[in-house]
Amino acid sequence: MYNLYDKAGAISDVQRFLLLLSQNNANLPHLSVDGIFNEETVTAVKEFQRQNSLPITGKVEKETFDLLYLLYTEALKEYYTDYDTLDSTVFPLKIGDSGSDVAVLNTYIRELAKYYLDLESVWGDFFSTATEKSVSDLQGYFREKQTGTVTKKFFARLKNEVNERQKF
């Protein structure tokens, strides 16, 4: 799964999994994704283990990782909503907006940042300046006018782009 020397990548993935799960679980602490297995990460892992009746070690053994990854992928699927069901009155999404549609947008951006390496990963349900820059960059990649705002059509384009890449 990970190169023997890519501990920071593995730790970042665990932190990303925990961060996403914490968005719908007030008892799971939010944490920074920095690739450092610090006390903040240990606390979040212990809480995850406690909530899921796993041995509370603060270490990410196979059983903890497997369940963490499973719950992460299930939570991620919830974010990939069908754009036809979104409230068309919220579009265009723009800087300063917040809510579940922006959370989905930020999730799409994070997924696409795996392929477009200069994209900044953005988190949460707030349309920040970092979100605006990533949207503008993606619009440039797709040869669209770089407005930094997200129309319903562009949102659908991002969804399709993510879904196509996940097939491989």
Protein backbone atom coordinates (compact mmCIF):
# COMPACT_ATOMS: atom_id res chain seq x y z
CA MET A 1 0.00 0.00 0.00
CA TYR A 2 2.73 2.50 0.98
CA ASN A 3 6.39 2.60 0.17
CA LEU A 4 8.40 1.61 3.24
CA TYR A 5 9.84 5.13 3.41
CA ASP A 6 6.56 6.96 2.84
CA LYS A 7 5.49 7.18 6.46
CA ALA A 8 4.39 10.81 6.07
CA GLY A 9 2.08 9.82 3.18
CA ALA A 10 0.53 7.02 5.23
CA ILE A 11 0.09 9.29 8.24
CA SER A 12 -1.44 12.01 6.05
CA ASP A 13 -3.95 9.50 4.69
CA VAL A 14 -4.95 8.40 8.21
CA GLN A 15 -5.29 12.05 9.22
CA ARG A 16 -7.42 12.75 6.13
CA PHE A 17 -9.67 9.78 6.93
CA LEU A 18 -10.11 10.94 10.52
CA LEU A 19 -10.73 14.53 9.48
CA LEU A 20 -13.51 13.58 7.08
CA LEU A 21 -15.13 11.30 9.65
CA SER A 22 -14.93 14.06 12.26
CA GLN A 23 -17.07 16.33 10.07
CA ASN A 24 -20.12 14.18 10.88
CA ASN A 25 -19.05 13.08 14.36
CA ALA A 26 -18.76 15.81 16.97
CA ASN A 27 -17.02 13.44 19.40
CA LEU A 28 -14.18 12.69 17.00
CA PRO A 29 -11.60 15.47 17.29
CA HIS A 30 -10.71 17.56 14.23
CA LEU A 31 -7.04 17.43 13.42
CA SER A 32 -4.48 18.86 11.06
CA VAL A 33 -3.29 16.91 8.05
CA ASP A 34 0.46 17.38 8.25
CA GLY A 35 1.95 13.89 7.95
CA ILE A 36 3.22 13.98 11.54
CA PHE A 37 1.92 11.38 13.97
CA ASN A 38 1.68 13.78 16.90
CA GLU A 39 -0.40 13.85 20.09
CA GLU A 40 -3.36 15.34 18.20
CA THR A 41 -3.36 12.33 15.86
CA VAL A 42 -2.94 9.84 18.72
CA THR A 43 -5.95 11.41 20.51
CA ALA A 44 -8.11 11.17 17.38
CA VAL A 45 -7.05 7.56 16.76
CA LYS A 46 -7.82 6.60 20.36
CA GLU A 47 -11.27 8.21 20.14
CA PHE A 48 -11.94 6.40 16.84
CA GLN A 49 -10.87 3.12 18.44
CA ARG A 50 -13.04 3.76 21.50
CA GLN A 51 -16.12 4.53 19.38
CA ASN A 52 -15.64 1.40 17.31
CA SER A 53 -14.87 -1.04 20.16
CA LEU A 54 -11.29 -1.58 19.05
CA PRO A 55 -8.32 -1.95 21.41
CA ILE A 56 -7.45 1.61 22.46
CA THR A 57 -3.76 1.85 21.66
CA GLY A 58 -3.49 5.10 19.74
CA LYS A 59 -1.61 3.14 17.07
CA VAL A 60 -2.99 2.39 13.63
CA GLU A 61 -2.73 -1.37 13.38
CA LYS A 62 -4.29 -3.29 10.50
CA GLU A 63 -7.68 -3.69 12.19
CA THR A 64 -7.90 0.03 12.95
CA PHE A 65 -6.72 1.04 9.47
CA ASP A 66 -9.12 -1.33 7.70
CA LEU A 67 -12.15 -0.03 9.62
CA LEU A 68 -11.00 3.57 9.31
CA TYR A 69 -10.63 3.18 5.55
CA LEU A 70 -13.99 1.41 5.22
CA LEU A 71 -15.83 4.14 7.15
CA TYR A 72 -13.95 6.83 5.22
CA THR A 73 -14.97 5.41 1.85
CA GLU A 74 -18.58 5.07 3.01
CA ALA A 75 -18.57 8.69 4.20
CA LEU A 76 -16.96 9.81 0.96
CA LYS A 77 -19.74 8.18 -1.05
CA GLU A 78 -22.26 10.30 0.85
CA TYR A 79 -20.48 13.43 -0.40
CA TYR A 80 -20.74 12.33 -4.01
CA THR A 81 -24.34 13.30 -4.38
CA ASP A 82 -26.09 13.43 -7.72
CA TYR A 83 -25.89 17.06 -8.83
CA ASP A 84 -29.47 16.91 -10.11
CA THR A 85 -30.66 16.67 -6.49
CA LEU A 86 -28.77 19.79 -5.43
CA ASP A 87 -30.65 22.99 -4.72
CA SER A 88 -30.21 25.02 -7.90
CA THR A 89 -30.77 28.24 -5.95
CA VAL A 90 -27.32 27.94 -4.33
CA PHE A 91 -25.49 28.20 -7.63
CA PRO A 92 -23.20 29.73 -8.51
CA LEU A 93 -21.07 28.77 -5.52
CA LYS A 94 -18.63 31.53 -4.70
CA ILE A 95 -16.21 32.78 -2.08
CA GLY A 96 -17.87 33.15 1.33
CA ASP A 97 -20.55 30.49 0.68
CA SER A 98 -20.88 27.53 3.03
CA GLY A 99 -22.93 24.40 3.44
CA SER A 100 -23.13 20.83 2.22
CA ASP A 101 -22.75 21.73 -1.47
CA VAL A 102 -19.47 23.49 -0.69
CA ALA A 103 -18.36 20.48 1.40
CA VAL A 104 -18.95 18.26 -1.64
CA LEU A 105 -17.10 20.74 -3.87
CA ASN A 106 -14.11 20.75 -1.51
CA THR A 107 -14.16 16.94 -1.47
CA TYR A 108 -14.06 16.89 -5.28
CA ILE A 109 -11.13 19.30 -5.25
CA ARG A 110 -9.23 17.11 -2.77
CA GLU A 111 -9.81 14.06 -4.95
CA LEU A 112 -8.67 15.89 -8.07
CA ALA A 113 -5.59 17.23 -6.25
CA LYS A 114 -4.25 13.67 -6.47
CA TYR A 115 -4.02 14.16 -10.24
CA TYR A 116 -3.48 17.92 -10.56
CA LEU A 117 -0.59 18.21 -8.14
CA ASP A 118 -0.52 22.01 -7.91
CA LEU A 119 -4.11 22.14 -6.60
CA GLU A 120 -4.42 22.99 -2.94
CA SER A 121 -6.44 20.50 -0.89
CA VAL A 122 -9.33 22.29 0.78
CA TRP A 123 -11.45 21.06 3.67
CA GLY A 124 -14.76 21.74 5.31
CA ASP A 125 -17.94 23.38 4.11
CA PHE A 126 -16.61 26.92 3.54
CA PHE A 127 -15.76 28.41 0.11
CA SER A 128 -12.43 29.99 1.01
CA THR A 129 -9.89 31.88 -1.08
CA ALA A 130 -8.04 28.56 -1.42
CA THR A 131 -11.22 26.97 -2.82
CA GLU A 132 -11.60 29.87 -5.23
CA LYS A 133 -8.01 29.48 -6.46
CA SER A 134 -8.39 25.71 -6.90
CA VAL A 135 -11.66 26.21 -8.82
CA SER A 136 -10.00 28.79 -11.05
CA ASP A 137 -7.06 26.45 -11.66
CA LEU A 138 -9.41 23.60 -12.58
CA GLN A 139 -11.35 25.87 -14.91
CA GLY A 140 -8.04 26.63 -16.61
CA TYR A 141 -7.23 22.92 -16.95
CA PHE A 142 -10.66 22.34 -18.50
CA ARG A 143 -10.20 25.37 -20.81
CA GLU A 144 -13.09 27.26 -19.32
CA LYS A 145 -13.27 30.89 -18.30
CA GLN A 146 -11.42 31.19 -14.99
CA THR A 147 -14.00 32.89 -12.78
CA GLY A 148 -13.32 31.04 -9.52
CA THR A 149 -17.08 30.48 -9.13
CA VAL A 150 -18.90 27.19 -9.59
CA THR A 151 -21.97 26.87 -11.77
CA LYS A 152 -24.20 23.83 -11.59
CA LYS A 153 -22.73 22.72 -14.92
CA PHE A 154 -19.13 23.06 -13.67
CA PHE A 155 -20.06 21.20 -10.47
CA ALA A 156 -21.34 18.33 -12.64
CA ARG A 157 -18.10 18.44 -14.63
CA LEU A 158 -16.07 18.05 -11.43
CA LYS A 159 -18.27 15.16 -10.29
CA ASN A 160 -17.85 13.39 -13.61
CA GLU A 161 -14.09 13.99 -13.59
CA VAL A 162 -13.79 12.44 -10.12
CA ASN A 163 -16.01 9.49 -11.00
CA GLU A 164 -14.06 8.78 -14.20
CA ARG A 165 -10.75 8.79 -12.38
CA GLN A 166 -12.05 6.47 -9.65
CA LYS A 167 -12.83 3.78 -12.23
CA PHE A 168 -9.13 3.03 -12.65
